[in-house]
Amino acid sequence: MEILASLREEWGLEPLPHYEEPPFMPVTQPELLKEYPLILSMGRRSPVYFHSEHRMIPWLRQHDPDPVVEVHPKTAEAHHISDGEWVWLENWLGRARFKAKVTPIVPKWMVMAAHGWWFPEKEGKEPSLHGTWESNINRLIPMGSQGKDGLGVPIKNMLCNMYKDTEAGE
């Protein structure tokens, strides 16, 4: 086991492992916390799909029909959201639409959204592109950010807010 990363040291980078909060979180961006009080995790996975694949298979859609965001019951109550209601997740970069799944599994300060959603039943031509922009969690993450040391973008956790989709006709 290598505790001191000798190659990183050679490259002039921090050679010792340590924790550093991601760039768009409460400690690093406290001014954003007022408007975006929730931590958005993009780590929700479905046992039915593999990333964005298989949304067009009817029997799989029966098992997991909608893009879901998991919300703690107290968080849902504070935001006047009930289980099964459509909501918007939003931050300074964009917004995306999900169906709330109220569950005590996620912490009160977090919402956990699915990724990779598109809707094969919607028009495939532009501008719809099978509704690919409607529930696309990527709309809430920065594009082109390299992350510290060039080791990737901060795609797992961001600050956000959540509110009911009052225009939902479903």
N, C-alpha and C. Protein backbone atom coordinates (compact mmCIF):
# COMPACT_ATOMS: atom_id res chain seq x y z
N MET A 1 0.85 -1.15 0.00
CA MET A 1 0.00 0.00 0.00
C MET A 1 0.91 1.23 0.00
N GLU A 2 0.56 2.19 -0.85
CA GLU A 2 1.32 3.44 -0.93
C GLU A 2 0.54 4.55 -0.24
N ILE A 3 1.05 5.05 0.86
CA ILE A 3 0.38 6.13 1.57
C ILE A 3 0.83 7.48 1.02
N LEU A 4 2.10 7.60 0.74
CA LEU A 4 2.63 8.81 0.12
C LEU A 4 2.77 8.50 -1.37
N ALA A 5 1.97 9.19 -2.21
CA ALA A 5 1.97 8.92 -3.64
C ALA A 5 3.20 9.57 -4.28
N SER A 6 4.21 8.76 -4.53
CA SER A 6 5.49 9.28 -5.02
C SER A 6 5.36 9.94 -6.39
N LEU A 7 4.53 9.40 -7.27
CA LEU A 7 4.36 10.04 -8.58
C LEU A 7 3.70 11.41 -8.44
N ARG A 8 2.69 11.51 -7.59
CA ARG A 8 2.05 12.82 -7.37
C ARG A 8 3.07 13.81 -6.81
N GLU A 9 3.92 13.35 -5.95
CA GLU A 9 4.97 14.22 -5.39
C GLU A 9 5.90 14.69 -6.51
N GLU A 10 6.29 13.79 -7.40
CA GLU A 10 7.14 14.14 -8.54
C GLU A 10 6.47 15.19 -9.43
N TRP A 11 5.16 15.10 -9.57
CA TRP A 11 4.42 16.02 -10.44
C TRP A 11 4.11 17.35 -9.75
N GLY A 12 4.52 17.50 -8.51
CA GLY A 12 4.27 18.75 -7.79
C GLY A 12 2.86 18.83 -7.20
N LEU A 13 2.20 17.69 -7.04
CA LEU A 13 0.85 17.63 -6.47
C LEU A 13 0.92 17.11 -5.04
N GLU A 14 -0.15 17.31 -4.30
CA GLU A 14 -0.24 16.85 -2.91
C GLU A 14 -0.07 15.33 -2.86
N PRO A 15 0.97 14.82 -2.22
CA PRO A 15 1.21 13.38 -2.23
C PRO A 15 0.48 12.58 -1.15
N LEU A 16 -0.03 13.27 -0.12
CA LEU A 16 -0.71 12.56 0.96
C LEU A 16 -2.23 12.59 0.77
N PRO A 17 -2.91 11.49 1.09
CA PRO A 17 -4.38 11.50 0.97
C PRO A 17 -4.98 12.42 2.04
N HIS A 18 -6.02 13.13 1.65
CA HIS A 18 -6.74 13.99 2.58
C HIS A 18 -8.13 14.27 2.02
N TYR A 19 -9.02 14.71 2.90
CA TYR A 19 -10.37 15.06 2.46
C TYR A 19 -10.43 16.55 2.16
N GLU A 20 -11.10 16.87 1.09
CA GLU A 20 -11.34 18.26 0.72
C GLU A 20 -12.78 18.34 0.21
N GLU A 21 -13.55 19.24 0.77
CA GLU A 21 -14.94 19.35 0.35
C GLU A 21 -15.02 19.72 -1.13
N PRO A 22 -15.97 19.11 -1.87
CA PRO A 22 -16.14 19.47 -3.29
C PRO A 22 -16.42 20.96 -3.45
N PRO A 23 -16.22 21.49 -4.65
CA PRO A 23 -16.26 22.94 -4.85
C PRO A 23 -17.62 23.62 -4.70
N PHE A 24 -18.73 22.91 -4.79
CA PHE A 24 -20.04 23.57 -4.73
C PHE A 24 -20.86 23.02 -3.57
N MET A 25 -20.30 23.13 -2.38
CA MET A 25 -20.91 22.60 -1.18
C MET A 25 -20.94 23.69 -0.10
N PRO A 26 -21.60 23.42 1.04
CA PRO A 26 -21.79 24.46 2.06
C PRO A 26 -20.52 25.14 2.58
N VAL A 27 -19.45 24.41 2.79
CA VAL A 27 -18.24 25.03 3.32
C VAL A 27 -17.55 25.87 2.26
N THR A 28 -17.49 25.36 1.04
CA THR A 28 -16.79 26.09 -0.02
C THR A 28 -17.61 27.22 -0.62
N GLN A 29 -18.94 27.13 -0.55
CA GLN A 29 -19.81 28.15 -1.13
C GLN A 29 -20.92 28.54 -0.15
N PRO A 30 -20.59 29.08 1.03
CA PRO A 30 -21.63 29.36 2.02
C PRO A 30 -22.66 30.38 1.55
N GLU A 31 -22.28 31.27 0.67
CA GLU A 31 -23.25 32.27 0.18
C GLU A 31 -24.35 31.64 -0.67
N LEU A 32 -24.07 30.52 -1.33
CA LEU A 32 -25.08 29.83 -2.14
C LEU A 32 -26.06 29.03 -1.29
N LEU A 33 -25.65 28.70 -0.07
CA LEU A 33 -26.46 27.87 0.81
C LEU A 33 -27.80 28.52 1.15
N LYS A 34 -27.85 29.83 1.19
CA LYS A 34 -29.10 30.53 1.51
C LYS A 34 -30.17 30.26 0.47
N GLU A 35 -29.78 30.29 -0.79
CA GLU A 35 -30.74 30.08 -1.88
C GLU A 35 -30.88 28.60 -2.24
N TYR A 36 -29.85 27.83 -2.00
CA TYR A 36 -29.84 26.40 -2.36
C TYR A 36 -29.47 25.57 -1.13
N PRO A 37 -30.46 25.32 -0.25
CA PRO A 37 -30.17 24.73 1.07
C PRO A 37 -30.01 23.21 1.10
N LEU A 38 -30.21 22.55 -0.02
CA LEU A 38 -30.11 21.09 -0.05
C LEU A 38 -28.87 20.63 -0.78
N ILE A 39 -28.35 19.50 -0.35
CA ILE A 39 -27.24 18.89 -1.08
C ILE A 39 -27.84 17.86 -2.02
N LEU A 40 -27.58 18.04 -3.28
CA LEU A 40 -28.06 17.15 -4.33
C LEU A 40 -27.02 16.06 -4.56
N SER A 41 -27.44 14.83 -4.39
CA SER A 41 -26.59 13.70 -4.74
C SER A 41 -27.12 13.12 -6.04
N MET A 42 -26.21 12.88 -6.96
CA MET A 42 -26.60 12.30 -8.24
C MET A 42 -26.28 10.82 -8.27
N GLY A 43 -26.30 10.21 -7.09
CA GLY A 43 -25.87 8.83 -6.98
C GLY A 43 -26.99 7.80 -6.99
N ARG A 44 -28.24 8.21 -7.17
CA ARG A 44 -29.34 7.23 -7.16
C ARG A 44 -29.25 6.34 -8.39
N ARG A 45 -29.28 5.06 -8.16
CA ARG A 45 -29.23 4.10 -9.25
C ARG A 45 -30.47 3.22 -9.23
N SER A 46 -30.88 2.82 -10.40
CA SER A 46 -32.01 1.93 -10.54
C SER A 46 -31.50 0.53 -10.83
N PRO A 47 -32.09 -0.49 -10.21
CA PRO A 47 -31.68 -1.85 -10.53
C PRO A 47 -32.19 -2.29 -11.91
N VAL A 48 -33.05 -1.48 -12.49
CA VAL A 48 -33.68 -1.83 -13.76
C VAL A 48 -32.86 -1.36 -14.97
N TYR A 49 -32.20 -0.23 -14.85
CA TYR A 49 -31.49 0.36 -15.98
C TYR A 49 -29.98 0.37 -15.76
N PHE A 50 -29.26 0.51 -16.85
CA PHE A 50 -27.83 0.71 -16.79
C PHE A 50 -27.55 2.09 -17.34
N HIS A 51 -27.24 3.04 -16.47
CA HIS A 51 -27.05 4.44 -16.83
C HIS A 51 -28.26 4.93 -17.63
N SER A 52 -28.10 5.32 -18.90
CA SER A 52 -29.25 5.84 -19.66
C SER A 52 -29.86 4.78 -20.58
N GLU A 53 -29.42 3.56 -20.46
CA GLU A 53 -29.89 2.51 -21.37
C GLU A 53 -31.23 1.90 -20.95
N HIS A 54 -31.96 1.42 -21.92
CA HIS A 54 -33.14 0.57 -21.77
C HIS A 54 -34.42 1.28 -21.37
N ARG A 55 -34.47 2.60 -21.46
CA ARG A 55 -35.71 3.31 -21.12
C ARG A 55 -36.85 2.95 -22.09
N MET A 56 -36.50 2.43 -23.27
CA MET A 56 -37.49 2.13 -24.28
C MET A 56 -38.09 0.74 -24.16
N ILE A 57 -37.64 -0.06 -23.20
CA ILE A 57 -38.16 -1.41 -23.02
C ILE A 57 -39.39 -1.35 -22.11
N PRO A 58 -40.57 -1.63 -22.66
CA PRO A 58 -41.81 -1.43 -21.90
C PRO A 58 -41.85 -2.10 -20.53
N TRP A 59 -41.45 -3.35 -20.41
CA TRP A 59 -41.57 -4.03 -19.12
C TRP A 59 -40.61 -3.46 -18.09
N LEU A 60 -39.49 -2.87 -18.52
CA LEU A 60 -38.59 -2.20 -17.58
C LEU A 60 -39.21 -0.89 -17.11
N ARG A 61 -39.84 -0.18 -18.03
CA ARG A 61 -40.51 1.08 -17.66
C ARG A 61 -41.66 0.82 -16.69
N GLN A 62 -42.29 -0.35 -16.76
CA GLN A 62 -43.34 -0.67 -15.79
C GLN A 62 -42.76 -0.76 -14.38
N HIS A 63 -41.54 -1.25 -14.26
CA HIS A 63 -40.90 -1.38 -12.95
C HIS A 63 -40.35 -0.06 -12.43
N ASP A 64 -39.89 0.80 -13.33
CA ASP A 64 -39.28 2.08 -12.94
C ASP A 64 -39.69 3.12 -13.99
N PRO A 65 -40.92 3.63 -13.91
CA PRO A 65 -41.47 4.44 -15.00
C PRO A 65 -41.02 5.90 -15.08
N ASP A 66 -40.54 6.46 -13.98
CA ASP A 66 -40.29 7.90 -13.95
C ASP A 66 -38.92 8.22 -13.36
N PRO A 67 -38.38 9.38 -13.72
CA PRO A 67 -37.16 9.84 -13.06
C PRO A 67 -37.49 10.23 -11.63
N VAL A 68 -36.76 9.67 -10.69
CA VAL A 68 -37.10 9.82 -9.27
C VAL A 68 -36.04 10.61 -8.53
N VAL A 69 -36.51 11.42 -7.58
CA VAL A 69 -35.63 12.03 -6.59
C VAL A 69 -36.12 11.58 -5.23
N GLU A 70 -35.20 11.01 -4.45
CA GLU A 70 -35.55 10.56 -3.11
C GLU A 70 -35.41 11.73 -2.14
N VAL A 71 -36.42 11.88 -1.27
CA VAL A 71 -36.52 13.02 -0.36
C VAL A 71 -36.91 12.52 1.02
N HIS A 72 -36.24 13.00 2.05
CA HIS A 72 -36.60 12.63 3.43
C HIS A 72 -37.99 13.18 3.75
N PRO A 73 -38.80 12.48 4.54
CA PRO A 73 -40.15 12.95 4.87
C PRO A 73 -40.19 14.36 5.46
N LYS A 74 -39.27 14.70 6.34
CA LYS A 74 -39.28 16.05 6.93
C LYS A 74 -38.91 17.11 5.89
N THR A 75 -38.02 16.78 4.98
CA THR A 75 -37.66 17.71 3.90
C THR A 75 -38.85 17.91 2.96
N ALA A 76 -39.51 16.82 2.63
CA ALA A 76 -40.70 16.90 1.78
C ALA A 76 -41.77 17.77 2.44
N GLU A 77 -41.99 17.56 3.70
CA GLU A 77 -42.98 18.34 4.44
C GLU A 77 -42.61 19.83 4.46
N ALA A 78 -41.35 20.13 4.69
CA ALA A 78 -40.90 21.53 4.72
C ALA A 78 -41.06 22.21 3.36
N HIS A 79 -41.00 21.43 2.29
CA HIS A 79 -41.14 21.97 0.94
C HIS A 79 -42.56 21.78 0.37
N HIS A 80 -43.48 21.29 1.21
CA HIS A 80 -44.88 21.07 0.82
C HIS A 80 -44.99 20.12 -0.38
N ILE A 81 -44.24 19.02 -0.29
CA ILE A 81 -44.20 18.04 -1.37
C ILE A 81 -44.64 16.70 -0.82
N SER A 82 -45.49 16.03 -1.59
CA SER A 82 -45.97 14.70 -1.21
C SER A 82 -45.34 13.64 -2.09
N ASP A 83 -45.35 12.42 -1.60
CA ASP A 83 -44.83 11.29 -2.37
C ASP A 83 -45.55 11.20 -3.71
N GLY A 84 -44.79 11.05 -4.77
CA GLY A 84 -45.37 10.90 -6.11
C GLY A 84 -45.62 12.19 -6.86
N GLU A 85 -45.40 13.33 -6.22
CA GLU A 85 -45.59 14.61 -6.91
C GLU A 85 -44.36 14.96 -7.74
N TRP A 86 -44.60 15.66 -8.83
CA TRP A 86 -43.50 16.14 -9.67
C TRP A 86 -42.90 17.38 -9.05
N VAL A 87 -41.58 17.43 -9.05
CA VAL A 87 -40.84 18.56 -8.48
C VAL A 87 -39.75 19.02 -9.43
N TRP A 88 -39.29 20.23 -9.19
CA TRP A 88 -38.11 20.74 -9.89
C TRP A 88 -36.95 20.77 -8.92
N LEU A 89 -35.82 20.30 -9.37
CA LEU A 89 -34.55 20.52 -8.67
C LEU A 89 -33.87 21.63 -9.43
N GLU A 90 -33.35 22.61 -8.69
CA GLU A 90 -32.82 23.79 -9.36
C GLU A 90 -31.60 24.32 -8.61
N ASN A 91 -30.65 24.84 -9.36
CA ASN A 91 -29.56 25.63 -8.79
C ASN A 91 -29.19 26.73 -9.77
N TRP A 92 -28.09 27.41 -9.54
CA TRP A 92 -27.69 28.55 -10.36
C TRP A 92 -27.32 28.15 -11.80
N LEU A 93 -27.22 26.86 -12.07
CA LEU A 93 -26.84 26.39 -13.40
C LEU A 93 -28.03 25.94 -14.24
N GLY A 94 -29.11 25.50 -13.58
CA GLY A 94 -30.27 25.03 -14.34
C GLY A 94 -31.26 24.31 -13.45
N ARG A 95 -32.19 23.60 -14.10
CA ARG A 95 -33.18 22.86 -13.35
C ARG A 95 -33.56 21.60 -14.13
N ALA A 96 -34.12 20.62 -13.39
CA ALA A 96 -34.56 19.37 -13.98
C ALA A 96 -35.76 18.85 -13.19
N ARG A 97 -36.62 18.10 -13.87
CA ARG A 97 -37.90 17.68 -13.30
C ARG A 97 -37.86 16.20 -12.90
N PHE A 98 -38.34 15.92 -11.68
CA PHE A 98 -38.35 14.56 -11.15
C PHE A 98 -39.62 14.29 -10.37
N LYS A 99 -39.88 13.01 -10.15
CA LYS A 99 -41.01 12.61 -9.30
C LYS A 99 -40.46 12.31 -7.91
N ALA A 100 -41.06 12.93 -6.90
CA ALA A 100 -40.59 12.75 -5.52
C ALA A 100 -40.93 11.37 -4.99
N LYS A 101 -39.94 10.75 -4.38
CA LYS A 101 -40.13 9.51 -3.64
C LYS A 101 -39.73 9.80 -2.20
N VAL A 102 -40.73 9.91 -1.34
CA VAL A 102 -40.47 10.26 0.05
C VAL A 102 -40.02 9.00 0.79
N THR A 103 -38.82 9.10 1.38
CA THR A 103 -38.22 7.95 2.04
C THR A 103 -37.26 8.42 3.14
N PRO A 104 -37.22 7.72 4.26
CA PRO A 104 -36.29 8.10 5.33
C PRO A 104 -34.84 7.68 5.03
N ILE A 105 -34.61 7.07 3.90
CA ILE A 105 -33.27 6.56 3.57
C ILE A 105 -32.26 7.68 3.36
N VAL A 106 -32.70 8.80 2.80
CA VAL A 106 -31.76 9.91 2.58
C VAL A 106 -31.80 10.86 3.78
N PRO A 107 -30.68 11.51 4.07
CA PRO A 107 -30.67 12.49 5.17
C PRO A 107 -31.58 13.69 4.88
N LYS A 108 -31.97 14.40 5.92
CA LYS A 108 -32.86 15.55 5.77
C LYS A 108 -32.26 16.65 4.91
N TRP A 109 -30.96 16.78 4.90
CA TRP A 109 -30.28 17.86 4.19
C TRP A 109 -29.93 17.50 2.75
N MET A 110 -30.38 16.32 2.29
CA MET A 110 -29.99 15.84 0.97
C MET A 110 -31.20 15.40 0.16
N VAL A 111 -31.11 15.51 -1.16
CA VAL A 111 -32.02 14.86 -2.08
C VAL A 111 -31.16 14.03 -3.02
N MET A 112 -31.67 12.87 -3.43
CA MET A 112 -30.87 11.96 -4.25
C MET A 112 -31.61 11.68 -5.56
N ALA A 113 -31.04 12.18 -6.66
CA ALA A 113 -31.70 12.11 -7.96
C ALA A 113 -31.11 11.05 -8.87
N ALA A 114 -31.98 10.52 -9.71
CA ALA A 114 -31.56 9.56 -10.74
C ALA A 114 -30.88 10.31 -11.88
N HIS A 115 -30.08 9.62 -12.62
CA HIS A 115 -29.42 10.21 -13.77
C HIS A 115 -29.77 9.42 -15.04
N GLY A 116 -29.45 9.98 -16.18
CA GLY A 116 -29.57 9.27 -17.44
C GLY A 116 -30.96 9.18 -18.03
N TRP A 117 -31.86 10.09 -17.63
CA TRP A 117 -33.25 9.97 -18.10
C TRP A 117 -33.49 10.60 -19.46
N TRP A 118 -34.26 9.89 -20.26
CA TRP A 118 -34.82 10.37 -21.52
C TRP A 118 -36.13 9.61 -21.70
N PHE A 119 -36.98 10.07 -22.61
CA PHE A 119 -38.32 9.53 -22.74
C PHE A 119 -38.56 9.07 -24.18
N PRO A 120 -38.44 7.77 -24.44
CA PRO A 120 -38.59 7.28 -25.81
C PRO A 120 -39.96 7.57 -26.40
N GLU A 121 -40.95 7.80 -25.55
CA GLU A 121 -42.30 8.09 -26.04
C GLU A 121 -42.45 9.52 -26.55
N LYS A 122 -41.46 10.37 -26.30
CA LYS A 122 -41.50 11.76 -26.77
C LYS A 122 -40.80 11.90 -28.12
N GLU A 123 -41.09 12.97 -28.80
CA GLU A 123 -40.53 13.25 -30.13
C GLU A 123 -39.01 13.14 -30.13
N GLY A 124 -38.47 12.45 -31.13
CA GLY A 124 -37.03 12.27 -31.23
C GLY A 124 -36.30 13.39 -31.93
N LYS A 125 -37.05 14.17 -32.72
CA LYS A 125 -36.41 15.28 -33.45
C LYS A 125 -36.16 16.46 -32.52
N GLU A 126 -35.24 17.31 -32.95
CA GLU A 126 -34.99 18.55 -32.19
C GLU A 126 -36.24 19.40 -32.18
N PRO A 127 -36.54 20.12 -31.15
CA PRO A 127 -35.70 20.36 -29.98
C PRO A 127 -35.92 19.35 -28.85
N SER A 128 -36.89 18.44 -28.99
CA SER A 128 -37.21 17.54 -27.88
C SER A 128 -36.12 16.50 -27.60
N LEU A 129 -35.66 15.85 -28.66
CA LEU A 129 -34.65 14.79 -28.52
C LEU A 129 -35.06 13.78 -27.44
N HIS A 130 -36.31 13.30 -27.57
CA HIS A 130 -36.87 12.34 -26.61
C HIS A 130 -36.93 12.90 -25.20
N GLY A 131 -37.15 14.20 -25.06
CA GLY A 131 -37.27 14.83 -23.74
C GLY A 131 -35.98 14.78 -22.93
N THR A 132 -34.86 14.71 -23.62
CA THR A 132 -33.59 14.51 -22.93
C THR A 132 -33.21 15.66 -22.00
N TRP A 133 -33.75 16.84 -22.20
CA TRP A 133 -33.39 17.98 -21.34
C TRP A 133 -34.32 18.13 -20.15
N GLU A 134 -35.47 17.46 -20.17
CA GLU A 134 -36.48 17.65 -19.13
C GLU A 134 -36.04 17.16 -17.74
N SER A 135 -35.51 15.95 -17.68
CA SER A 135 -35.12 15.36 -16.39
C SER A 135 -33.64 15.01 -16.39
N ASN A 136 -32.87 15.86 -16.99
CA ASN A 136 -31.43 15.62 -17.14
C ASN A 136 -30.69 16.30 -15.99
N ILE A 137 -30.22 15.51 -15.04
CA ILE A 137 -29.53 16.05 -13.86
C ILE A 137 -28.26 16.79 -14.25
N ASN A 138 -27.72 16.50 -15.43
CA ASN A 138 -26.51 17.19 -15.89
C ASN A 138 -26.73 18.69 -16.08
N ARG A 139 -27.98 19.11 -16.15
CA ARG A 139 -28.26 20.54 -16.27
C ARG A 139 -27.89 21.31 -15.01
N LEU A 140 -27.65 20.59 -13.92
CA LEU A 140 -27.32 21.23 -12.64
C LEU A 140 -25.84 21.12 -12.28
N ILE A 141 -25.02 20.64 -13.19
CA ILE A 141 -23.60 20.52 -12.90
C ILE A 141 -22.79 21.37 -13.88
N PRO A 142 -21.64 21.86 -13.45
CA PRO A 142 -20.84 22.71 -14.35
C PRO A 142 -20.19 21.89 -15.45
N MET A 143 -20.16 22.44 -16.63
CA MET A 143 -19.48 21.80 -17.74
C MET A 143 -18.12 22.47 -17.92
N GLY A 144 -17.12 21.68 -18.23
CA GLY A 144 -15.79 22.22 -18.49
C GLY A 144 -14.93 22.38 -17.26
N SER A 145 -15.48 22.10 -16.08
CA SER A 145 -14.68 22.19 -14.86
C SER A 145 -13.78 20.97 -14.78
N GLN A 146 -12.52 21.19 -14.57
CA GLN A 146 -11.57 20.09 -14.50
C GLN A 146 -11.42 19.50 -13.11
N GLY A 147 -11.84 20.20 -12.13
CA GLY A 147 -11.62 19.73 -10.77
C GLY A 147 -10.17 19.96 -10.37
N LYS A 148 -9.90 19.85 -9.10
CA LYS A 148 -8.54 20.05 -8.62
C LYS A 148 -7.62 18.97 -9.20
N ASP A 149 -6.45 19.33 -9.57
CA ASP A 149 -5.46 18.42 -10.16
C ASP A 149 -5.91 17.88 -11.52
N GLY A 150 -7.00 18.42 -12.10
CA GLY A 150 -7.50 17.92 -13.37
C GLY A 150 -8.14 16.55 -13.28
N LEU A 151 -8.57 16.16 -12.09
CA LEU A 151 -9.08 14.81 -11.88
C LEU A 151 -10.60 14.74 -11.91
N GLY A 152 -11.23 15.35 -12.87
CA GLY A 152 -12.66 15.19 -13.04
C GLY A 152 -13.49 16.35 -12.55
N VAL A 153 -14.74 16.34 -12.97
CA VAL A 153 -15.69 17.39 -12.61
C VAL A 153 -16.44 17.00 -11.34
N PRO A 154 -16.97 17.99 -10.62
CA PRO A 154 -17.71 17.70 -9.39
C PRO A 154 -19.14 17.26 -9.70
N ILE A 155 -19.30 15.99 -10.08
CA ILE A 155 -20.61 15.55 -10.56
C ILE A 155 -21.43 14.75 -9.55
N LYS A 156 -20.92 14.49 -8.40
CA LYS A 156 -21.67 13.67 -7.46
C LYS A 156 -22.49 14.47 -6.47
N ASN A 157 -22.04 15.66 -6.08
CA ASN A 157 -22.75 16.46 -5.08
C ASN A 157 -22.69 17.93 -5.44
N MET A 158 -23.84 18.57 -5.35
CA MET A 158 -23.96 20.01 -5.63
C MET A 158 -25.02 20.57 -4.69
N LEU A 159 -25.04 21.87 -4.54
CA LEU A 159 -26.13 22.51 -3.81
C LEU A 159 -27.33 22.67 -4.74
N CYS A 160 -28.54 22.62 -4.17
CA CYS A 160 -29.74 22.81 -4.98
C CYS A 160 -30.91 23.23 -4.10
N ASN A 161 -31.99 23.53 -4.75
CA ASN A 161 -33.26 23.76 -4.09
C ASN A 161 -34.29 22.87 -4.77
N MET A 162 -35.42 22.67 -4.13
CA MET A 162 -36.46 21.83 -4.68
C MET A 162 -37.80 22.52 -4.47
N TYR A 163 -38.64 22.46 -5.48
CA TYR A 163 -39.99 23.00 -5.33
C TYR A 163 -40.95 22.22 -6.21
N LYS A 164 -42.22 22.28 -5.83
CA LYS A 164 -43.26 21.54 -6.53
C LYS A 164 -43.43 22.08 -7.94
N ASP A 165 -43.65 21.17 -8.89
CA ASP A 165 -43.95 21.54 -10.26
C ASP A 165 -45.45 21.83 -10.31
N THR A 166 -45.83 23.09 -10.25
CA THR A 166 -47.24 23.46 -10.21
C THR A 166 -47.90 23.36 -11.57
N GLU A 167 -47.12 23.18 -12.62
CA GLU A 167 -47.68 23.06 -13.97
C GLU A 167 -47.82 21.61 -14.41
N ALA A 168 -47.44 20.68 -13.54
CA ALA A 168 -47.47 19.25 -13.92
C ALA A 168 -48.90 18.81 -14.20
N GLY A 169 -49.09 18.26 -15.37
CA GLY A 169 -50.42 17.79 -15.75
C GLY A 169 -50.53 16.28 -15.62
N GLU A 170 -49.58 15.66 -14.96
CA GLU A 170 -49.58 14.19 -14.89
C GLU A 170 -49.96 13.72 -13.51
